[in-house]
Amino acid sequence: MAEDPSDIAGLPAELGIDDDLARADASLRIRLEKRRYGKPVTIVEGFDDVDLAALASELKRALGTGGTVDEDSIELQGDHADRVPALLRERGFTVDG
């Protein structure tokens, strides 16, 4: 039986362990940018193999804000740098700083 090279843990894919391991291995960075008219935008980057659209939706709902997915990062409207790390850690991610 050939092993699937995308299988990180070596366990059956049905267990979903690979998703958890990918989240734990990714070290995310959170930064703040000023955009048009001085409005702040919180940017979360450093994702590997994560459904960014679904995660962005969860974060936007939890924070009560708008946002978007831009290539390999999530942009949230407003300054949420104090709340986002805790929300990401609750979902199994490692956050720098």
N, C-alpha and C. Protein backbone atom coordinates (compact mmCIF):
# COMPACT_ATOMS: atom_id res chain seq x y z
N MET A 1 0.83 -1.17 0.00
CA MET A 1 0.00 0.00 0.00
C MET A 1 0.88 1.24 0.00
N ALA A 2 0.69 2.13 -0.95
CA ALA A 2 1.50 3.35 -1.05
C ALA A 2 0.96 4.41 -0.09
N GLU A 3 1.89 5.11 0.55
CA GLU A 3 1.49 6.18 1.47
C GLU A 3 1.21 7.45 0.70
N ASP A 4 0.26 8.21 1.18
CA ASP A 4 -0.07 9.50 0.60
C ASP A 4 0.95 10.52 1.11
N PRO A 5 1.75 11.17 0.22
CA PRO A 5 2.77 12.10 0.68
C PRO A 5 2.19 13.33 1.38
N SER A 6 0.93 13.63 1.17
CA SER A 6 0.32 14.79 1.82
C SER A 6 -0.17 14.45 3.23
N ASP A 7 -0.07 13.17 3.60
CA ASP A 7 -0.50 12.72 4.92
C ASP A 7 0.62 12.97 5.92
N ILE A 8 0.48 13.96 6.76
CA ILE A 8 1.54 14.37 7.69
C ILE A 8 1.71 13.37 8.82
N ALA A 9 0.63 12.96 9.43
CA ALA A 9 0.70 12.15 10.63
C ALA A 9 0.88 10.66 10.35
N GLY A 10 0.61 10.22 9.13
CA GLY A 10 0.68 8.80 8.84
C GLY A 10 -0.56 8.06 9.29
N LEU A 11 -1.60 8.78 9.65
CA LEU A 11 -2.86 8.19 10.10
C LEU A 11 -3.93 8.40 9.05
N PRO A 12 -5.04 7.68 9.13
CA PRO A 12 -6.11 7.85 8.14
C PRO A 12 -6.60 9.30 8.06
N ALA A 13 -6.85 9.75 6.85
CA ALA A 13 -7.28 11.13 6.61
C ALA A 13 -8.61 11.44 7.28
N GLU A 14 -9.44 10.41 7.49
CA GLU A 14 -10.76 10.63 8.10
C GLU A 14 -10.67 11.21 9.51
N LEU A 15 -9.55 11.00 10.16
CA LEU A 15 -9.39 11.51 11.53
C LEU A 15 -9.19 13.02 11.58
N GLY A 16 -8.74 13.62 10.48
CA GLY A 16 -8.56 15.06 10.42
C GLY A 16 -7.36 15.56 11.22
N ILE A 17 -6.44 14.67 11.53
CA ILE A 17 -5.27 15.04 12.33
C ILE A 17 -4.34 15.95 11.54
N ASP A 18 -4.24 15.74 10.25
CA ASP A 18 -3.34 16.56 9.43
C ASP A 18 -3.71 18.03 9.51
N ASP A 19 -5.01 18.34 9.54
CA ASP A 19 -5.45 19.73 9.64
C ASP A 19 -4.98 20.35 10.95
N ASP A 20 -5.11 19.59 12.04
CA ASP A 20 -4.67 20.08 13.35
C ASP A 20 -3.17 20.30 13.37
N LEU A 21 -2.41 19.37 12.77
CA LEU A 21 -0.95 19.51 12.75
C LEU A 21 -0.52 20.69 11.90
N ALA A 22 -1.19 20.91 10.78
CA ALA A 22 -0.87 22.05 9.93
C ALA A 22 -1.11 23.35 10.67
N ARG A 23 -2.18 23.40 11.46
CA ARG A 23 -2.47 24.61 12.24
C ARG A 23 -1.41 24.83 13.30
N ALA A 24 -1.00 23.78 13.96
CA ALA A 24 -0.01 23.92 15.04
C ALA A 24 1.36 24.29 14.49
N ASP A 25 1.69 23.82 13.28
CA ASP A 25 3.00 24.11 12.69
C ASP A 25 3.08 25.53 12.15
N ALA A 26 1.98 26.09 11.71
CA ALA A 26 1.99 27.44 11.15
C ALA A 26 2.18 28.46 12.27
N SER A 27 3.14 29.35 12.09
CA SER A 27 3.38 30.41 13.05
C SER A 27 2.89 31.71 12.42
N LEU A 28 1.78 32.23 12.91
CA LEU A 28 1.13 33.38 12.30
C LEU A 28 1.69 34.69 12.83
N ARG A 29 1.66 35.70 11.97
CA ARG A 29 2.05 37.05 12.34
C ARG A 29 0.85 37.97 12.18
N ILE A 30 0.71 38.87 13.13
CA ILE A 30 -0.39 39.84 13.09
C ILE A 30 0.23 41.22 13.05
N ARG A 31 -0.20 42.02 12.09
CA ARG A 31 0.31 43.38 12.01
C ARG A 31 -0.83 44.34 11.69
N LEU A 32 -0.56 45.61 11.94
CA LEU A 32 -1.57 46.64 11.72
C LEU A 32 -1.08 47.59 10.65
N GLU A 33 -1.94 47.93 9.71
CA GLU A 33 -1.62 48.89 8.66
C GLU A 33 -2.64 50.01 8.70
N LYS A 34 -2.22 51.18 8.30
CA LYS A 34 -3.14 52.31 8.13
C LYS A 34 -3.45 52.38 6.64
N ARG A 35 -4.70 52.47 6.33
CA ARG A 35 -5.12 52.54 4.94
C ARG A 35 -5.68 53.93 4.64
N ARG A 36 -6.45 53.98 3.63
CA ARG A 36 -7.03 55.24 3.19
C ARG A 36 -7.71 55.99 4.33
N TYR A 37 -7.45 57.25 4.40
CA TYR A 37 -8.02 58.14 5.42
C TYR A 37 -7.61 57.75 6.84
N GLY A 38 -6.48 57.03 6.97
CA GLY A 38 -5.96 56.67 8.27
C GLY A 38 -6.70 55.54 8.97
N LYS A 39 -7.53 54.81 8.24
CA LYS A 39 -8.30 53.72 8.86
C LYS A 39 -7.40 52.50 9.07
N PRO A 40 -7.47 51.88 10.26
CA PRO A 40 -6.62 50.72 10.54
C PRO A 40 -7.17 49.42 9.93
N VAL A 41 -6.24 48.55 9.55
CA VAL A 41 -6.57 47.22 9.04
C VAL A 41 -5.65 46.23 9.74
N THR A 42 -6.23 45.18 10.33
CA THR A 42 -5.46 44.13 10.97
C THR A 42 -5.19 43.05 9.94
N ILE A 43 -3.91 42.69 9.77
CA ILE A 43 -3.52 41.70 8.78
C ILE A 43 -2.92 40.49 9.49
N VAL A 44 -3.44 39.31 9.16
CA VAL A 44 -2.95 38.05 9.71
C VAL A 44 -2.33 37.28 8.56
N GLU A 45 -1.04 36.89 8.70
CA GLU A 45 -0.36 36.19 7.62
C GLU A 45 0.51 35.07 8.16
N GLY A 46 0.91 34.18 7.26
CA GLY A 46 1.76 33.05 7.63
C GLY A 46 1.03 31.72 7.61
N PHE A 47 -0.09 31.64 6.90
CA PHE A 47 -0.89 30.42 6.85
C PHE A 47 -0.30 29.40 5.89
N ASP A 48 -0.45 28.12 6.23
CA ASP A 48 -0.06 27.01 5.36
C ASP A 48 -1.24 26.04 5.29
N ASP A 49 -1.73 25.78 4.11
CA ASP A 49 -2.79 24.78 3.89
C ASP A 49 -3.98 24.94 4.82
N VAL A 50 -4.54 26.14 4.87
CA VAL A 50 -5.71 26.43 5.70
C VAL A 50 -6.79 27.02 4.80
N ASP A 51 -8.04 26.69 5.07
CA ASP A 51 -9.16 27.28 4.33
C ASP A 51 -9.33 28.71 4.82
N LEU A 52 -8.67 29.65 4.13
CA LEU A 52 -8.67 31.04 4.57
C LEU A 52 -10.06 31.67 4.54
N ALA A 53 -10.86 31.32 3.56
CA ALA A 53 -12.21 31.90 3.46
C ALA A 53 -13.04 31.53 4.68
N ALA A 54 -12.99 30.27 5.09
CA ALA A 54 -13.77 29.83 6.25
C ALA A 54 -13.24 30.47 7.54
N LEU A 55 -11.91 30.52 7.69
CA LEU A 55 -11.33 31.13 8.89
C LEU A 55 -11.62 32.62 8.94
N ALA A 56 -11.52 33.30 7.81
CA ALA A 56 -11.82 34.73 7.77
C ALA A 56 -13.27 34.97 8.17
N SER A 57 -14.16 34.13 7.70
CA SER A 57 -15.57 34.25 8.05
C SER A 57 -15.78 34.09 9.56
N GLU A 58 -15.11 33.12 10.16
CA GLU A 58 -15.22 32.91 11.61
C GLU A 58 -14.69 34.12 12.38
N LEU A 59 -13.54 34.64 11.96
CA LEU A 59 -12.96 35.80 12.64
C LEU A 59 -13.84 37.04 12.50
N LYS A 60 -14.34 37.27 11.30
CA LYS A 60 -15.21 38.43 11.09
C LYS A 60 -16.46 38.35 11.95
N ARG A 61 -17.03 37.16 12.05
CA ARG A 61 -18.24 36.98 12.86
C ARG A 61 -17.92 37.21 14.34
N ALA A 62 -16.79 36.67 14.81
CA ALA A 62 -16.42 36.81 16.22
C ALA A 62 -16.09 38.26 16.58
N LEU A 63 -15.54 39.00 15.63
CA LEU A 63 -15.14 40.38 15.90
C LEU A 63 -16.22 41.40 15.52
N GLY A 64 -17.20 40.97 14.77
CA GLY A 64 -18.25 41.88 14.32
C GLY A 64 -17.73 42.94 13.37
N THR A 65 -16.90 42.50 12.42
CA THR A 65 -16.28 43.43 11.49
C THR A 65 -16.27 42.85 10.09
N GLY A 66 -15.88 43.66 9.14
CA GLY A 66 -15.72 43.21 7.77
C GLY A 66 -14.28 42.81 7.52
N GLY A 67 -14.05 42.25 6.37
CA GLY A 67 -12.69 41.86 6.03
C GLY A 67 -12.68 41.07 4.73
N THR A 68 -11.49 40.63 4.36
CA THR A 68 -11.32 39.91 3.11
C THR A 68 -10.11 38.99 3.20
N VAL A 69 -10.01 38.09 2.22
CA VAL A 69 -8.84 37.24 2.07
C VAL A 69 -8.05 37.79 0.90
N ASP A 70 -6.76 38.05 1.12
CA ASP A 70 -5.90 38.61 0.08
C ASP A 70 -4.71 37.67 -0.10
N GLU A 71 -4.70 36.88 -1.17
CA GLU A 71 -3.68 35.88 -1.46
C GLU A 71 -3.50 34.92 -0.29
N ASP A 72 -2.48 35.10 0.53
CA ASP A 72 -2.23 34.17 1.64
C ASP A 72 -2.37 34.85 3.00
N SER A 73 -3.20 35.88 3.09
CA SER A 73 -3.41 36.57 4.35
C SER A 73 -4.89 36.92 4.52
N ILE A 74 -5.24 37.24 5.75
CA ILE A 74 -6.60 37.69 6.07
C ILE A 74 -6.51 39.14 6.52
N GLU A 75 -7.36 40.00 5.94
CA GLU A 75 -7.40 41.40 6.31
C GLU A 75 -8.73 41.68 7.00
N LEU A 76 -8.65 42.25 8.19
CA LEU A 76 -9.84 42.56 8.98
C LEU A 76 -9.92 44.08 9.16
N GLN A 77 -11.09 44.64 8.92
CA GLN A 77 -11.26 46.08 9.06
C GLN A 77 -11.20 46.46 10.54
N GLY A 78 -10.35 47.43 10.85
CA GLY A 78 -10.24 47.92 12.21
C GLY A 78 -9.01 47.39 12.91
N ASP A 79 -8.76 47.91 14.11
CA ASP A 79 -7.63 47.50 14.93
C ASP A 79 -8.08 46.41 15.89
N HIS A 80 -7.76 45.17 15.53
CA HIS A 80 -8.16 44.01 16.34
C HIS A 80 -6.94 43.22 16.80
N ALA A 81 -5.77 43.86 16.80
CA ALA A 81 -4.53 43.18 17.14
C ALA A 81 -4.54 42.63 18.56
N ASP A 82 -5.36 43.19 19.43
CA ASP A 82 -5.42 42.70 20.81
C ASP A 82 -6.32 41.47 20.95
N ARG A 83 -7.33 41.31 20.10
CA ARG A 83 -8.28 40.21 20.22
C ARG A 83 -7.99 39.03 19.30
N VAL A 84 -7.38 39.29 18.16
CA VAL A 84 -7.17 38.23 17.15
C VAL A 84 -6.26 37.11 17.66
N PRO A 85 -5.15 37.39 18.37
CA PRO A 85 -4.31 36.27 18.81
C PRO A 85 -5.06 35.24 19.65
N ALA A 86 -5.90 35.68 20.56
CA ALA A 86 -6.66 34.74 21.40
C ALA A 86 -7.63 33.92 20.55
N LEU A 87 -8.28 34.56 19.59
CA LEU A 87 -9.22 33.85 18.72
C LEU A 87 -8.50 32.78 17.89
N LEU A 88 -7.31 33.11 17.40
CA LEU A 88 -6.55 32.14 16.61
C LEU A 88 -6.03 30.99 17.47
N ARG A 89 -5.59 31.30 18.68
CA ARG A 89 -5.11 30.25 19.58
C ARG A 89 -6.25 29.29 19.95
N GLU A 90 -7.46 29.82 20.13
CA GLU A 90 -8.62 28.96 20.40
C GLU A 90 -8.86 27.97 19.27
N ARG A 91 -8.47 28.35 18.06
CA ARG A 91 -8.68 27.50 16.90
C ARG A 91 -7.46 26.64 16.60
N GLY A 92 -6.46 26.62 17.51
CA GLY A 92 -5.33 25.73 17.39
C GLY A 92 -4.11 26.28 16.67
N PHE A 93 -4.07 27.57 16.39
CA PHE A 93 -2.93 28.17 15.70
C PHE A 93 -1.89 28.66 16.70
N THR A 94 -0.65 28.76 16.23
CA THR A 94 0.43 29.35 17.01
C THR A 94 0.63 30.77 16.49
N VAL A 95 0.65 31.74 17.41
CA VAL A 95 0.77 33.15 17.02
C VAL A 95 2.07 33.71 17.57
N ASP A 96 2.87 34.35 16.71
CA ASP A 96 4.10 35.01 17.14
C ASP A 96 3.76 36.25 17.94
N GLY A 97 4.56 36.50 18.94
CA GLY A 97 4.43 37.75 19.70
C GLY A 97 3.38 37.77 20.67
